[in-house]
């Protein structure tokens, strides 16, 4: 028999964060991974949601993933950069990369990025990055678009 257990979003987020911290993740890694997994779970994308928490906790504890990565970024051209995740979880690098891409885009008008993170498949890093980019784009364009629509 499948039992359904309901928990509040707040409780689930807190437990997810605590599990990653208990597994040794630094605060930035635990916050970024929790943010991304909660976002996926809220959207019903369970393949990328909080169900991954035990897996991430295992690879953090085993040493397969660096629990205290030192993210490094370097610009490779006017509108491109590399973010090295230091073999940590991909979530912090994806968010850092999207922040950097936003800065480069503001400066040059275009900004590709590359993320180097252990264990997190490329599509997952891009999905997390895309979600952050979409959120940023909504914030950047909704106010001017609303003003333009109201003025016509």
Protein backbone atom coordinates (compact mmCIF):
# COMPACT_ATOMS: atom_id res chain seq x y z
CA UNK A 1 0.00 0.00 0.00
CA UNK A 2 1.31 3.46 -0.91
CA UNK A 3 0.94 5.91 1.92
CA UNK A 4 0.91 9.59 1.10
CA UNK A 5 2.64 11.81 3.63
CA UNK A 6 1.86 15.50 3.41
CA UNK A 7 4.28 18.05 4.83
CA UNK A 8 4.31 21.80 4.56
CA UNK A 9 6.55 23.42 1.98
CA UNK A 10 8.40 25.24 4.77
CA UNK A 11 9.06 21.98 6.63
CA UNK A 12 10.21 20.19 3.48
CA UNK A 13 12.58 23.02 2.60
CA UNK A 14 14.02 23.07 6.12
CA UNK A 15 14.51 19.32 6.22
CA UNK A 16 16.12 19.29 2.77
CA UNK A 17 18.57 22.04 3.76
CA UNK A 18 19.32 20.33 7.10
CA UNK A 19 19.98 16.97 5.43
CA UNK A 20 22.52 18.51 3.06
CA UNK A 21 24.21 20.43 5.88
CA UNK A 22 24.28 17.26 8.02
CA UNK A 23 25.97 15.50 5.09
CA UNK A 24 28.72 18.12 5.19
CA UNK A 25 27.67 20.61 2.50
CA UNK A 26 28.67 24.19 3.13
CA UNK A 27 25.85 26.68 3.52
CA UNK A 28 26.07 28.07 -0.03
CA UNK A 29 25.92 24.58 -1.59
CA UNK A 30 23.07 23.45 0.65
CA UNK A 31 21.07 26.65 -0.01
CA UNK A 32 21.54 26.48 -3.79
CA UNK A 33 20.71 22.77 -4.01
CA UNK A 34 17.66 23.21 -1.76
CA UNK A 35 16.47 26.19 -3.80
CA UNK A 36 16.78 24.29 -7.09
CA UNK A 37 15.21 21.07 -5.81
CA UNK A 38 12.32 22.90 -4.15
CA UNK A 39 11.68 24.80 -7.36
CA UNK A 40 11.56 21.57 -9.33
CA UNK A 41 9.29 19.90 -6.75
CA UNK A 42 6.92 22.87 -6.76
CA UNK A 43 6.62 22.49 -10.53
CA UNK A 44 6.02 18.74 -10.24
CA UNK A 45 9.37 17.85 -11.83
CA UNK A 46 10.17 15.13 -9.32
CA UNK A 47 13.16 13.86 -11.31
CA UNK A 48 15.00 17.02 -10.23
CA UNK A 49 13.19 17.65 -6.96
CA UNK A 50 13.76 16.94 -3.30
CA UNK A 51 13.68 13.21 -3.91
CA UNK A 52 17.37 13.67 -4.83
CA UNK A 53 18.28 14.80 -1.31
CA UNK A 54 19.33 11.33 -0.04
CA UNK A 55 21.45 10.82 -3.16
CA UNK A 56 23.22 14.16 -2.75
CA UNK A 57 23.75 13.44 0.95
CA UNK A 58 25.37 10.08 0.08
CA UNK A 59 27.79 11.52 -2.48
CA UNK A 60 28.70 14.38 -0.15
CA UNK A 61 29.41 11.96 2.72
CA UNK A 62 31.38 9.59 0.52
CA UNK A 63 33.70 12.34 -0.68
CA UNK A 64 32.66 11.84 -4.28
CA UNK A 65 31.46 15.47 -4.31
CA UNK A 66 33.37 18.31 -2.66
CA UNK A 67 31.20 19.61 0.21
CA UNK A 68 33.16 22.90 0.45
CA UNK A 69 33.92 23.91 -3.13
CA UNK A 70 35.76 27.10 -3.97
CA UNK A 71 33.97 28.39 -7.05
CA UNK A 72 36.22 30.18 -9.50
CA UNK A 73 35.21 32.09 -12.56
CA UNK A 74 37.33 33.58 -15.26
CA UNK A 75 36.47 35.59 -18.27
CA UNK A 76 37.51 33.94 -21.51
CA UNK A 77 36.44 36.69 -23.92
CA UNK A 78 34.39 39.87 -23.89
CA UNK A 79 31.09 38.00 -23.53
CA UNK A 80 32.07 34.58 -22.21
CA UNK A 81 33.33 33.11 -18.98
CA UNK A 82 33.97 29.80 -17.27
CA UNK A 83 32.70 28.89 -13.80
CA UNK A 84 34.63 26.02 -12.21
CA UNK A 85 32.58 24.29 -9.52
CA UNK A 86 35.61 22.62 -7.87
CA UNK A 87 33.94 19.20 -8.04
CA UNK A 88 31.05 20.40 -5.89
CA UNK A 89 27.31 20.17 -6.42
CA UNK A 90 26.31 21.85 -9.66
CA UNK A 91 23.60 24.06 -8.18
CA UNK A 92 25.81 26.81 -6.72
CA UNK A 93 27.82 26.97 -9.96
CA UNK A 94 24.65 27.20 -12.03
CA UNK A 95 23.34 30.12 -9.99
CA UNK A 96 26.76 31.81 -9.92
CA UNK A 97 27.05 31.29 -13.67
CA UNK A 98 23.66 32.84 -14.29
CA UNK A 99 24.61 35.85 -12.17
CA UNK A 100 27.84 36.20 -14.13
CA UNK A 101 26.00 35.73 -17.43
CA UNK A 102 23.61 38.50 -16.42
CA UNK A 103 26.52 40.83 -15.67
CA UNK A 104 28.17 39.98 -19.00
CA UNK A 105 24.90 40.40 -20.87
CA UNK A 106 24.36 43.81 -19.29
CA UNK A 107 27.87 44.85 -20.28
CA UNK A 108 28.11 43.33 -23.78
CA UNK A 109 24.61 42.30 -24.85
CA UNK A 110 25.38 38.55 -24.99
CA UNK A 111 26.84 36.07 -22.50
CA UNK A 112 27.31 32.32 -22.96
CA UNK A 113 28.53 30.28 -19.99
CA UNK A 114 30.12 26.94 -19.11
CA UNK A 115 29.82 25.06 -15.83
CA UNK A 116 32.19 22.37 -14.58
CA UNK A 117 30.57 20.36 -11.80
CA UNK A 118 30.96 16.74 -10.79
CA UNK A 119 28.02 14.34 -10.90
CA UNK A 120 25.37 16.81 -12.00
CA UNK A 121 24.45 16.00 -15.61
CA UNK A 122 24.72 18.83 -18.13
CA UNK A 123 20.98 18.99 -18.70
CA UNK A 124 20.37 19.46 -14.99
CA UNK A 125 22.87 22.32 -14.74
CA UNK A 126 21.29 23.96 -17.75
CA UNK A 127 17.79 23.41 -16.37
CA UNK A 128 18.69 25.07 -13.08
CA UNK A 129 20.43 27.87 -14.97
CA UNK A 130 17.50 28.28 -17.32
CA UNK A 131 15.06 28.53 -14.42
CA UNK A 132 17.21 31.25 -12.86
CA UNK A 133 17.50 33.04 -16.21
CA UNK A 134 13.76 32.92 -16.74
CA UNK A 135 13.17 34.33 -13.25
CA UNK A 136 15.71 37.10 -13.94
CA UNK A 137 14.21 37.85 -17.35
CA UNK A 138 10.72 38.12 -15.89
CA UNK A 139 11.98 40.58 -13.29
CA UNK A 140 13.93 42.59 -15.88
CA UNK A 141 11.22 42.76 -18.53
CA UNK A 142 7.90 42.72 -16.70
CA UNK A 143 8.02 46.30 -15.44
CA UNK A 144 9.06 47.90 -18.77
CA UNK A 145 6.59 45.69 -20.64
CA UNK A 146 3.78 46.64 -18.27
CA UNK A 147 4.62 50.34 -18.67
CA UNK A 148 4.68 49.97 -22.47
CA UNK A 149 1.34 48.16 -22.47
CA UNK A 150 -0.26 50.75 -20.22
CA UNK A 151 1.00 53.65 -22.30
CA UNK A 152 -0.52 52.36 -25.57
